[in-house]
């Protein structure tokens, strides 16, 4: 009995230490790794061998292998223990699509490769208040200058995940030209992460802004991580938003060599 009591005390102590360190329990961590491994199959190209073993719904039109999962009977599926079954079950609940071999991912064809001088990022050093103040003053001066330039559009974006997590995120974007608001858009962003919600609102801002007759876009966001992901065509969460942004910017840059976009970091409360 004393050994059992000692073991339970050790488990409680270990659980408390994990909570203080911000670590999830090991069994939940293993479940997360398993889920990530299963979902990673959707990022594989259609030529991958694993695709030929999955069902027709998840095989990306790959020619099936002679012993792929769809040929198994219910009794065989119940008896079989394989990571393929976990992968198959995980992919059935996945609604997002990825393009692992998109043409715009090839070196020399990426947006930053073709238009390196048309896209700029202006991060804010939040380590010191003085740096933030100087950054905001520079942004204020820029916005004042754009209030007299009809060829410039200021796009202010923000998104938030409302607690509790079972509620939808909300995205909002405002468009200012000559110092006055000319348009705005608000949209629910489903149940998603904060980074994906901010990437979605950048998509709203860019696709709308490129439809205006302008040459210069100033996009203000509180997440430069989302802004960097916006012009990154590689496989990542909400890759479809990035591909839509890249397509819109590519068409925008093709109109004139003077057209460019700046991403400015600015916290929401500023």
C-alpha atoms as a PDB file:
ATOM      1  CA  UNK A   1       0.000   0.000   0.000  1.00  0.00           C
ATOM      2  CA  UNK A   2       2.835   2.378   0.821  1.00  0.00           C
ATOM      3  CA  UNK A   3       4.363   1.761  -2.616  1.00  0.00           C
ATOM      4  CA  UNK A   4       1.056   2.541  -4.338  1.00  0.00           C
ATOM      5  CA  UNK A   5       0.644   5.697  -2.277  1.00  0.00           C
ATOM      6  CA  UNK A   6       4.212   6.756  -3.101  1.00  0.00           C
ATOM      7  CA  UNK A   7       3.637   6.149  -6.807  1.00  0.00           C
ATOM      8  CA  UNK A   8       0.442   8.225  -6.816  1.00  0.00           C
ATOM      9  CA  UNK A   9       2.260  11.056  -5.048  1.00  0.00           C
ATOM     10  CA  UNK A  10       5.024  10.965  -7.676  1.00  0.00           C
ATOM     11  CA  UNK A  11       2.456  11.099 -10.496  1.00  0.00           C
ATOM     12  CA  UNK A  12       0.690  14.071  -8.909  1.00  0.00           C
ATOM     13  CA  UNK A  13       4.016  15.834  -8.384  1.00  0.00           C
ATOM     14  CA  UNK A  14       5.054  15.159 -11.975  1.00  0.00           C
ATOM     15  CA  UNK A  15       1.703  16.430 -13.236  1.00  0.00           C
ATOM     16  CA  UNK A  16       2.092  19.620 -11.202  1.00  0.00           C
ATOM     17  CA  UNK A  17       5.604  20.214 -12.549  1.00  0.00           C
ATOM     18  CA  UNK A  18       4.391  19.689 -16.127  1.00  0.00           C
ATOM     19  CA  UNK A  19       1.583  22.200 -15.555  1.00  0.00           C
ATOM     20  CA  UNK A  20       3.992  24.802 -14.144  1.00  0.00           C
ATOM     21  CA  UNK A  21       6.360  24.252 -17.078  1.00  0.00           C
ATOM     22  CA  UNK A  22       3.539  24.604 -19.593  1.00  0.00           C
ATOM     23  CA  UNK A  23       3.883  21.014 -20.826  1.00  0.00           C
ATOM     24  CA  UNK A  24       0.915  18.870 -21.754  1.00  0.00           C
ATOM     25  CA  UNK A  25       0.732  15.307 -20.347  1.00  0.00           C
ATOM     26  CA  UNK A  26       2.852  12.831 -22.257  1.00  0.00           C
ATOM     27  CA  UNK A  27      -0.128  10.735 -23.397  1.00  0.00           C
ATOM     28  CA  UNK A  28      -1.788  13.804 -24.934  1.00  0.00           C
ATOM     29  CA  UNK A  29       1.511  14.802 -26.547  1.00  0.00           C
ATOM     30  CA  UNK A  30       1.805  11.357 -28.143  1.00  0.00           C
ATOM     31  CA  UNK A  31      -1.779  11.630 -29.443  1.00  0.00           C
ATOM     32  CA  UNK A  32      -0.933  15.019 -30.959  1.00  0.00           C
ATOM     33  CA  UNK A  33       2.156  13.614 -32.689  1.00  0.00           C
ATOM     34  CA  UNK A  34       0.115  10.705 -34.041  1.00  0.00           C
ATOM     35  CA  UNK A  35      -2.554  13.076 -35.370  1.00  0.00           C
ATOM     36  CA  UNK A  36       0.072  15.278 -37.035  1.00  0.00           C
ATOM     37  CA  UNK A  37       1.736  12.259 -38.617  1.00  0.00           C
ATOM     38  CA  UNK A  38      -1.582  11.048 -40.040  1.00  0.00           C
ATOM     39  CA  UNK A  39      -2.555  14.447 -41.396  1.00  0.00           C
ATOM     40  CA  UNK A  40       0.860  14.894 -43.008  1.00  0.00           C
ATOM     41  CA  UNK A  41      -0.200  12.345 -45.620  1.00  0.00           C
ATOM     42  CA  UNK A  42      -2.426  14.947 -47.262  1.00  0.00           C
ATOM     43  CA  UNK A  43       0.668  17.049 -48.042  1.00  0.00           C
ATOM     44  CA  UNK A  44       2.247  14.230 -50.068  1.00  0.00           C
ATOM     45  CA  UNK A  45       2.218  14.383 -53.880  1.00  0.00           C
ATOM     46  CA  UNK A  46      -0.118  12.090 -55.789  1.00  0.00           C
ATOM     47  CA  UNK A  47       2.869  10.034 -57.024  1.00  0.00           C
ATOM     48  CA  UNK A  48       3.765   8.965 -53.491  1.00  0.00           C
ATOM     49  CA  UNK A  49       3.446   5.224 -52.811  1.00  0.00           C
ATOM     50  CA  UNK A  50       1.282   5.804 -49.749  1.00  0.00           C
ATOM     51  CA  UNK A  51      -1.431   7.357 -51.918  1.00  0.00           C
ATOM     52  CA  UNK A  52      -1.952   4.099 -53.796  1.00  0.00           C
ATOM     53  CA  UNK A  53      -2.801   2.310 -50.532  1.00  0.00           C
ATOM     54  CA  UNK A  54      -5.519   4.703 -49.375  1.00  0.00           C
ATOM     55  CA  UNK A  55      -9.147   4.701 -50.416  1.00  0.00           C
ATOM     56  CA  UNK A  56     -10.299   6.423 -53.591  1.00  0.00           C
ATOM     57  CA  UNK A  57     -11.517   9.412 -51.571  1.00  0.00           C
ATOM     58  CA  UNK A  58      -8.014  10.165 -50.249  1.00  0.00           C
ATOM     59  CA  UNK A  59      -5.729   8.738 -52.939  1.00  0.00           C
ATOM     60  CA  UNK A  60      -5.673  11.902 -55.106  1.00  0.00           C
ATOM     61  CA  UNK A  61      -6.738   9.877 -58.189  1.00  0.00           C
ATOM     62  CA  UNK A  62      -3.676   7.642 -57.906  1.00  0.00           C
ATOM     63  CA  UNK A  63      -3.843   4.201 -59.485  1.00  0.00           C
ATOM     64  CA  UNK A  64      -4.705   1.922 -56.536  1.00  0.00           C
ATOM     65  CA  UNK A  65      -2.468  -0.876 -55.358  1.00  0.00           C
ATOM     66  CA  UNK A  66      -3.842  -4.414 -55.566  1.00  0.00           C
ATOM     67  CA  UNK A  67      -4.289  -4.549 -51.784  1.00  0.00           C
ATOM     68  CA  UNK A  68      -5.408  -0.993 -51.032  1.00  0.00           C
ATOM     69  CA  UNK A  69      -7.800  -0.269 -48.180  1.00  0.00           C
ATOM     70  CA  UNK A  70     -11.011  -0.123 -50.204  1.00  0.00           C
ATOM     71  CA  UNK A  71     -10.712  -3.841 -51.020  1.00  0.00           C
ATOM     72  CA  UNK A  72     -10.721  -4.863 -47.365  1.00  0.00           C
ATOM     73  CA  UNK A  73     -13.895  -6.340 -45.926  1.00  0.00           C
ATOM     74  CA  UNK A  74     -15.383  -5.049 -42.688  1.00  0.00           C
ATOM     75  CA  UNK A  75     -14.044  -8.078 -40.857  1.00  0.00           C
ATOM     76  CA  UNK A  76     -10.542  -7.506 -42.240  1.00  0.00           C
ATOM     77  CA  UNK A  77     -10.657  -3.815 -41.351  1.00  0.00           C
ATOM     78  CA  UNK A  78     -11.707  -4.665 -37.792  1.00  0.00           C
ATOM     79  CA  UNK A  79      -8.889  -7.199 -37.461  1.00  0.00           C
ATOM     80  CA  UNK A  80      -6.192  -5.091 -39.120  1.00  0.00           C
ATOM     81  CA  UNK A  81      -3.987  -2.856 -36.988  1.00  0.00           C
ATOM     82  CA  UNK A  82      -2.122  -0.447 -39.216  1.00  0.00           C
ATOM     83  CA  UNK A  83      -1.153   3.252 -39.255  1.00  0.00           C
ATOM     84  CA  UNK A  84      -2.917   3.394 -42.623  1.00  0.00           C
ATOM     85  CA  UNK A  85      -6.268   3.017 -40.897  1.00  0.00           C
ATOM     86  CA  UNK A  86      -5.459   5.907 -38.558  1.00  0.00           C
ATOM     87  CA  UNK A  87      -4.389   7.986 -41.548  1.00  0.00           C
ATOM     88  CA  UNK A  88      -7.542   7.094 -43.450  1.00  0.00           C
ATOM     89  CA  UNK A  89      -9.776   8.013 -40.511  1.00  0.00           C
ATOM     90  CA  UNK A  90      -7.982  11.329 -39.971  1.00  0.00           C
ATOM     91  CA  UNK A  91      -8.158  12.382 -43.622  1.00  0.00           C
ATOM     92  CA  UNK A  92     -11.909  11.733 -43.780  1.00  0.00           C
ATOM     93  CA  UNK A  93     -12.437  14.609 -41.330  1.00  0.00           C
ATOM     94  CA  UNK A  94     -10.046  16.992 -43.074  1.00  0.00           C
ATOM     95  CA  UNK A  95     -11.586  19.768 -45.179  1.00  0.00           C
ATOM     96  CA  UNK A  96      -8.424  21.643 -46.166  1.00  0.00           C
ATOM     97  CA  UNK A  97      -6.600  20.903 -49.427  1.00  0.00           C
ATOM     98  CA  UNK A  98      -2.888  21.308 -50.101  1.00  0.00           C
ATOM     99  CA  UNK A  99      -0.770  21.599 -53.224  1.00  0.00           C
ATOM    100  CA  UNK A 100       2.609  19.983 -52.438  1.00  0.00           C
ATOM    101  CA  UNK A 101       4.019  20.492 -55.943  1.00  0.00           C
ATOM    102  CA  UNK A 102       2.509  23.826 -56.942  1.00  0.00           C
ATOM    103  CA  UNK A 103       4.390  25.429 -59.892  1.00  0.00           C
ATOM    104  CA  UNK A 104       4.865  28.674 -57.953  1.00  0.00           C
ATOM    105  CA  UNK A 105       6.915  26.801 -55.333  1.00  0.00           C
ATOM    106  CA  UNK A 106       9.817  26.105 -57.699  1.00  0.00           C
ATOM    107  CA  UNK A 107      12.950  28.238 -57.226  1.00  0.00           C
ATOM    108  CA  UNK A 108      12.927  31.074 -59.719  1.00  0.00           C
ATOM    109  CA  UNK A 109       9.130  31.031 -59.988  1.00  0.00           C
ATOM    110  CA  UNK A 110       8.285  32.147 -56.457  1.00  0.00           C
ATOM    111  CA  UNK A 111       6.831  35.595 -55.921  1.00  0.00           C
ATOM    112  CA  UNK A 112       9.799  36.810 -53.881  1.00  0.00           C
ATOM    113  CA  UNK A 113      12.150  35.506 -56.572  1.00  0.00           C
ATOM    114  CA  UNK A 114      10.379  37.358 -59.376  1.00  0.00           C
ATOM    115  CA  UNK A 115       9.548  40.573 -57.494  1.00  0.00           C
ATOM    116  CA  UNK A 116      12.089  40.914 -54.665  1.00  0.00           C
ATOM    117  CA  UNK A 117      12.011  44.732 -54.720  1.00  0.00           C
ATOM    118  CA  UNK A 118       8.202  45.029 -54.790  1.00  0.00           C
ATOM    119  CA  UNK A 119       7.513  43.512 -51.358  1.00  0.00           C
ATOM    120  CA  UNK A 120       8.800  44.999 -48.105  1.00  0.00           C
ATOM    121  CA  UNK A 121       8.345  44.046 -44.467  1.00  0.00           C
ATOM    122  CA  UNK A 122       8.633  46.556 -41.611  1.00  0.00           C
ATOM    123  CA  UNK A 123       8.834  44.742 -38.281  1.00  0.00           C
ATOM    124  CA  UNK A 124       8.465  46.437 -34.917  1.00  0.00           C
ATOM    125  CA  UNK A 125      10.919  45.711 -32.133  1.00  0.00           C
ATOM    126  CA  UNK A 126       8.631  45.205 -29.138  1.00  0.00           C
ATOM    127  CA  UNK A 127      11.511  44.666 -26.700  1.00  0.00           C
ATOM    128  CA  UNK A 128      11.657  48.374 -25.796  1.00  0.00           C
ATOM    129  CA  UNK A 129       8.922  50.960 -25.650  1.00  0.00           C
ATOM    130  CA  UNK A 130      11.145  53.561 -27.337  1.00  0.00           C
ATOM    131  CA  UNK A 131      11.572  51.336 -30.400  1.00  0.00           C
ATOM    132  CA  UNK A 132       7.811  50.818 -30.643  1.00  0.00           C
ATOM    133  CA  UNK A 133       7.219  54.551 -30.365  1.00  0.00           C
ATOM    134  CA  UNK A 134       9.663  55.319 -33.197  1.00  0.00           C
ATOM    135  CA  UNK A 135       8.104  52.602 -35.345  1.00  0.00           C
ATOM    136  CA  UNK A 136       4.590  53.975 -34.812  1.00  0.00           C
ATOM    137  CA  UNK A 137       5.764  57.531 -35.514  1.00  0.00           C
ATOM    138  CA  UNK A 138       7.239  56.395 -38.837  1.00  0.00           C
ATOM    139  CA  UNK A 139       3.962  54.656 -39.676  1.00  0.00           C
ATOM    140  CA  UNK A 140       1.987  57.785 -38.741  1.00  0.00           C
ATOM    141  CA  UNK A 141       4.151  59.967 -40.996  1.00  0.00           C
ATOM    142  CA  UNK A 142       3.697  57.491 -43.834  1.00  0.00           C
ATOM    143  CA  UNK A 143      -0.087  57.461 -43.434  1.00  0.00           C
ATOM    144  CA  UNK A 144      -0.134  61.276 -43.361  1.00  0.00           C
ATOM    145  CA  UNK A 145       1.836  61.340 -46.595  1.00  0.00           C
ATOM    146  CA  UNK A 146      -0.516  58.862 -48.242  1.00  0.00           C
ATOM    147  CA  UNK A 147      -3.527  61.051 -47.340  1.00  0.00           C
ATOM    148  CA  UNK A 148      -2.497  63.326 -50.237  1.00  0.00           C
ATOM    149  CA  UNK A 149      -1.576  60.564 -52.697  1.00  0.00           C
ATOM    150  CA  UNK A 150      -4.529  59.041 -54.614  1.00  0.00           C
ATOM    151  CA  UNK A 151      -2.358  56.204 -55.941  1.00  0.00           C
ATOM    152  CA  UNK A 152      -1.827  54.759 -52.435  1.00  0.00           C
ATOM    153  CA  UNK A 153      -4.220  52.573 -50.480  1.00  0.00           C
ATOM    154  CA  UNK A 154      -3.882  51.871 -46.768  1.00  0.00           C
ATOM    155  CA  UNK A 155      -5.248  48.478 -45.718  1.00  0.00           C
ATOM    156  CA  UNK A 156      -5.800  47.895 -41.995  1.00  0.00           C
ATOM    157  CA  UNK A 157      -6.356  44.258 -41.033  1.00  0.00           C
ATOM    158  CA  UNK A 158      -7.091  42.511 -37.779  1.00  0.00           C
ATOM    159  CA  UNK A 159      -8.445  39.163 -36.664  1.00  0.00           C
ATOM    160  CA  UNK A 160      -9.139  37.620 -33.300  1.00  0.00           C
ATOM    161  CA  UNK A 161     -10.029  34.226 -31.928  1.00  0.00           C
ATOM    162  CA  UNK A 162     -12.787  34.775 -29.392  1.00  0.00           C
ATOM    163  CA  UNK A 163     -12.686  32.584 -26.295  1.00  0.00           C
ATOM    164  CA  UNK A 164     -13.937  29.961 -25.749  1.00  0.00           C
ATOM    165  CA  UNK A 165     -12.410  28.029 -28.614  1.00  0.00           C
ATOM    166  CA  UNK A 166     -15.743  26.649 -29.797  1.00  0.00           C
ATOM    167  CA  UNK A 167     -16.632  30.066 -31.261  1.00  0.00           C
ATOM    168  CA  UNK A 168     -15.664  31.347 -34.693  1.00  0.00           C
ATOM    169  CA  UNK A 169     -12.818  33.769 -35.234  1.00  0.00           C
ATOM    170  CA  UNK A 170     -13.670  37.189 -36.640  1.00  0.00           C
ATOM    171  CA  UNK A 171     -11.718  39.034 -39.334  1.00  0.00           C
ATOM    172  CA  UNK A 172     -12.057  42.697 -40.288  1.00  0.00           C
ATOM    173  CA  UNK A 173     -10.317  44.867 -42.886  1.00  0.00           C
ATOM    174  CA  UNK A 174     -10.618  48.581 -43.650  1.00  0.00           C
ATOM    175  CA  UNK A 175      -9.469  50.435 -46.771  1.00  0.00           C
ATOM    176  CA  UNK A 176      -8.375  54.075 -46.600  1.00  0.00           C
ATOM    177  CA  UNK A 177      -7.658  56.320 -49.564  1.00  0.00           C
ATOM    178  CA  UNK A 178      -6.779  60.016 -49.313  1.00  0.00           C
ATOM    179  CA  UNK A 179      -7.256  59.722 -45.565  1.00  0.00           C
ATOM    180  CA  UNK A 180     -10.853  58.527 -45.793  1.00  0.00           C
ATOM    181  CA  UNK A 181     -12.372  55.077 -45.539  1.00  0.00           C
ATOM    182  CA  UNK A 182     -13.529  53.866 -48.937  1.00  0.00           C
ATOM    183  CA  UNK A 183     -14.496  50.305 -48.079  1.00  0.00           C
ATOM    184  CA  UNK A 184     -14.510  47.690 -45.344  1.00  0.00           C
ATOM    185  CA  UNK A 185     -15.184  44.011 -44.906  1.00  0.00           C
ATOM    186  CA  UNK A 186     -15.925  41.754 -41.960  1.00  0.00           C
ATOM    187  CA  UNK A 187     -16.228  38.001 -42.073  1.00  0.00           C
ATOM    188  CA  UNK A 188     -16.346  34.994 -39.746  1.00  0.00           C
ATOM    189  CA  UNK A 189     -13.288  32.784 -40.094  1.00  0.00           C
ATOM    190  CA  UNK A 190     -14.658  29.520 -38.670  1.00  0.00           C
ATOM    191  CA  UNK A 191     -12.973  27.721 -35.789  1.00  0.00           C
ATOM    192  CA  UNK A 192      -9.306  28.169 -36.526  1.00  0.00           C
ATOM    193  CA  UNK A 193      -6.022  29.309 -35.029  1.00  0.00           C
ATOM    194  CA  UNK A 194      -5.118  32.950 -34.589  1.00  0.00           C
ATOM    195  CA  UNK A 195      -2.381  32.748 -37.237  1.00  0.00           C
ATOM    196  CA  UNK A 196      -4.733  31.247 -39.817  1.00  0.00           C
ATOM    197  CA  UNK A 197      -7.370  33.875 -39.025  1.00  0.00           C
ATOM    198  CA  UNK A 198      -4.830  36.654 -39.573  1.00  0.00           C
ATOM    199  CA  UNK A 199      -3.702  35.040 -42.825  1.00  0.00           C
ATOM    200  CA  UNK A 200      -7.312  34.933 -43.982  1.00  0.00           C
ATOM    201  CA  UNK A 201      -7.855  38.634 -43.268  1.00  0.00           C
ATOM    202  CA  UNK A 202      -4.657  39.471 -45.177  1.00  0.00           C
ATOM    203  CA  UNK A 203      -6.137  37.565 -48.089  1.00  0.00           C
ATOM    204  CA  UNK A 204      -9.302  39.662 -47.818  1.00  0.00           C
ATOM    205  CA  UNK A 205      -7.248  42.837 -47.787  1.00  0.00           C
ATOM    206  CA  UNK A 206      -4.878  41.988 -50.637  1.00  0.00           C
ATOM    207  CA  UNK A 207      -7.448  40.569 -53.053  1.00  0.00           C
ATOM    208  CA  UNK A 208      -9.696  43.611 -52.537  1.00  0.00           C
ATOM    209  CA  UNK A 209      -6.852  46.155 -52.641  1.00  0.00           C
ATOM    210  CA  UNK A 210      -5.470  44.859 -55.945  1.00  0.00           C
ATOM    211  CA  UNK A 211      -8.828  45.595 -57.580  1.00  0.00           C
ATOM    212  CA  UNK A 212      -8.371  49.346 -56.979  1.00  0.00           C
ATOM    213  CA  UNK A 213      -6.627  51.601 -59.506  1.00  0.00           C
ATOM    214  CA  UNK A 214      -3.547  52.210 -57.333  1.00  0.00           C
ATOM    215  CA  UNK A 215       0.208  51.708 -57.374  1.00  0.00           C
ATOM    216  CA  UNK A 216       1.115  51.395 -53.704  1.00  0.00           C
ATOM    217  CA  UNK A 217      -0.447  49.228 -50.975  1.00  0.00           C
ATOM    218  CA  UNK A 218       0.345  49.722 -47.292  1.00  0.00           C
ATOM    219  CA  UNK A 219      -1.000  46.736 -45.369  1.00  0.00           C
ATOM    220  CA  UNK A 220      -1.023  47.069 -41.590  1.00  0.00           C
ATOM    221  CA  UNK A 221      -1.158  43.890 -39.536  1.00  0.00           C
ATOM    222  CA  UNK A 222      -0.312  42.833 -35.999  1.00  0.00           C
ATOM    223  CA  UNK A 223       1.295  39.599 -37.221  1.00  0.00           C
ATOM    224  CA  UNK A 224       4.258  39.759 -39.574  1.00  0.00           C
ATOM    225  CA  UNK A 225       4.447  35.981 -39.240  1.00  0.00           C
ATOM    226  CA  UNK A 226       1.136  35.788 -41.091  1.00  0.00           C
ATOM    227  CA  UNK A 227       2.393  38.379 -43.597  1.00  0.00           C
ATOM    228  CA  UNK A 228       5.483  36.289 -44.304  1.00  0.00           C
ATOM    229  CA  UNK A 229       3.345  33.197 -44.706  1.00  0.00           C
ATOM    230  CA  UNK A 230       1.068  35.143 -47.068  1.00  0.00           C
ATOM    231  CA  UNK A 231       3.759  35.247 -49.768  1.00  0.00           C
ATOM    232  CA  UNK A 232       5.104  31.761 -49.022  1.00  0.00           C
ATOM    233  CA  UNK A 233       3.606  29.130 -51.374  1.00  0.00           C
ATOM    234  CA  UNK A 234       5.040  26.124 -49.543  1.00  0.00           C
ATOM    235  CA  UNK A 235       2.816  23.629 -47.777  1.00  0.00           C
ATOM    236  CA  UNK A 236       1.526  25.019 -44.504  1.00  0.00           C
ATOM    237  CA  UNK A 237      -1.765  25.510 -42.731  1.00  0.00           C
ATOM    238  CA  UNK A 238      -4.180  27.572 -44.896  1.00  0.00           C
ATOM    239  CA  UNK A 239      -1.900  27.255 -47.919  1.00  0.00           C
ATOM    240  CA  UNK A 240      -4.894  28.107 -50.137  1.00  0.00           C
ATOM    241  CA  UNK A 241      -4.971  31.623 -48.681  1.00  0.00           C
ATOM    242  CA  UNK A 242      -1.299  32.116 -49.518  1.00  0.00           C
ATOM    243  CA  UNK A 243      -1.763  30.899 -53.090  1.00  0.00           C
ATOM    244  CA  UNK A 244      -4.717  33.286 -53.566  1.00  0.00           C
ATOM    245  CA  UNK A 245      -2.645  36.198 -52.224  1.00  0.00           C
ATOM    246  CA  UNK A 246       0.301  35.328 -54.467  1.00  0.00           C
ATOM    247  CA  UNK A 247      -1.961  35.111 -57.519  1.00  0.00           C
ATOM    248  CA  UNK A 248      -3.496  38.513 -56.784  1.00  0.00           C
ATOM    249  CA  UNK A 249      -0.122  40.182 -56.159  1.00  0.00           C
ATOM    250  CA  UNK A 250       1.415  38.649 -59.270  1.00  0.00           C
ATOM    251  CA  UNK A 251      -1.348  40.140 -61.418  1.00  0.00           C
ATOM    252  CA  UNK A 252      -1.015  43.448 -59.550  1.00  0.00           C
ATOM    253  CA  UNK A 253       2.750  43.671 -60.124  1.00  0.00           C
ATOM    254  CA  UNK A 254       2.391  42.741 -63.788  1.00  0.00           C
ATOM    255  CA  UNK A 255       0.386  45.903 -64.494  1.00  0.00           C
ATOM    256  CA  UNK A 256       3.247  48.337 -63.878  1.00  0.00           C
ATOM    257  CA  UNK A 257       6.850  48.283 -62.589  1.00  0.00           C
ATOM    258  CA  UNK A 258       5.914  51.006 -60.076  1.00  0.00           C
ATOM    259  CA  UNK A 259       3.435  48.914 -58.131  1.00  0.00           C
ATOM    260  CA  UNK A 260       4.522  47.494 -54.787  1.00  0.00           C
ATOM    261  CA  UNK A 261       3.253  46.537 -51.329  1.00  0.00           C
ATOM    262  CA  UNK A 262       4.580  47.143 -47.820  1.00  0.00           C
ATOM    263  CA  UNK A 263       3.642  45.076 -44.773  1.00  0.00           C
ATOM    264  CA  UNK A 264       3.786  47.083 -41.546  1.00  0.00           C
ATOM    265  CA  UNK A 265       3.767  45.567 -38.078  1.00  0.00           C
ATOM    266  CA  UNK A 266       1.417  47.359 -35.691  1.00  0.00           C
ATOM    267  CA  UNK A 267      -0.183  45.978 -32.539  1.00  0.00           C
ATOM    268  CA  UNK A 268      -3.979  45.928 -32.405  1.00  0.00           C
ATOM    269  CA  UNK A 269      -4.219  48.329 -29.455  1.00  0.00           C
ATOM    270  CA  UNK A 270      -2.173  50.923 -31.392  1.00  0.00           C
END
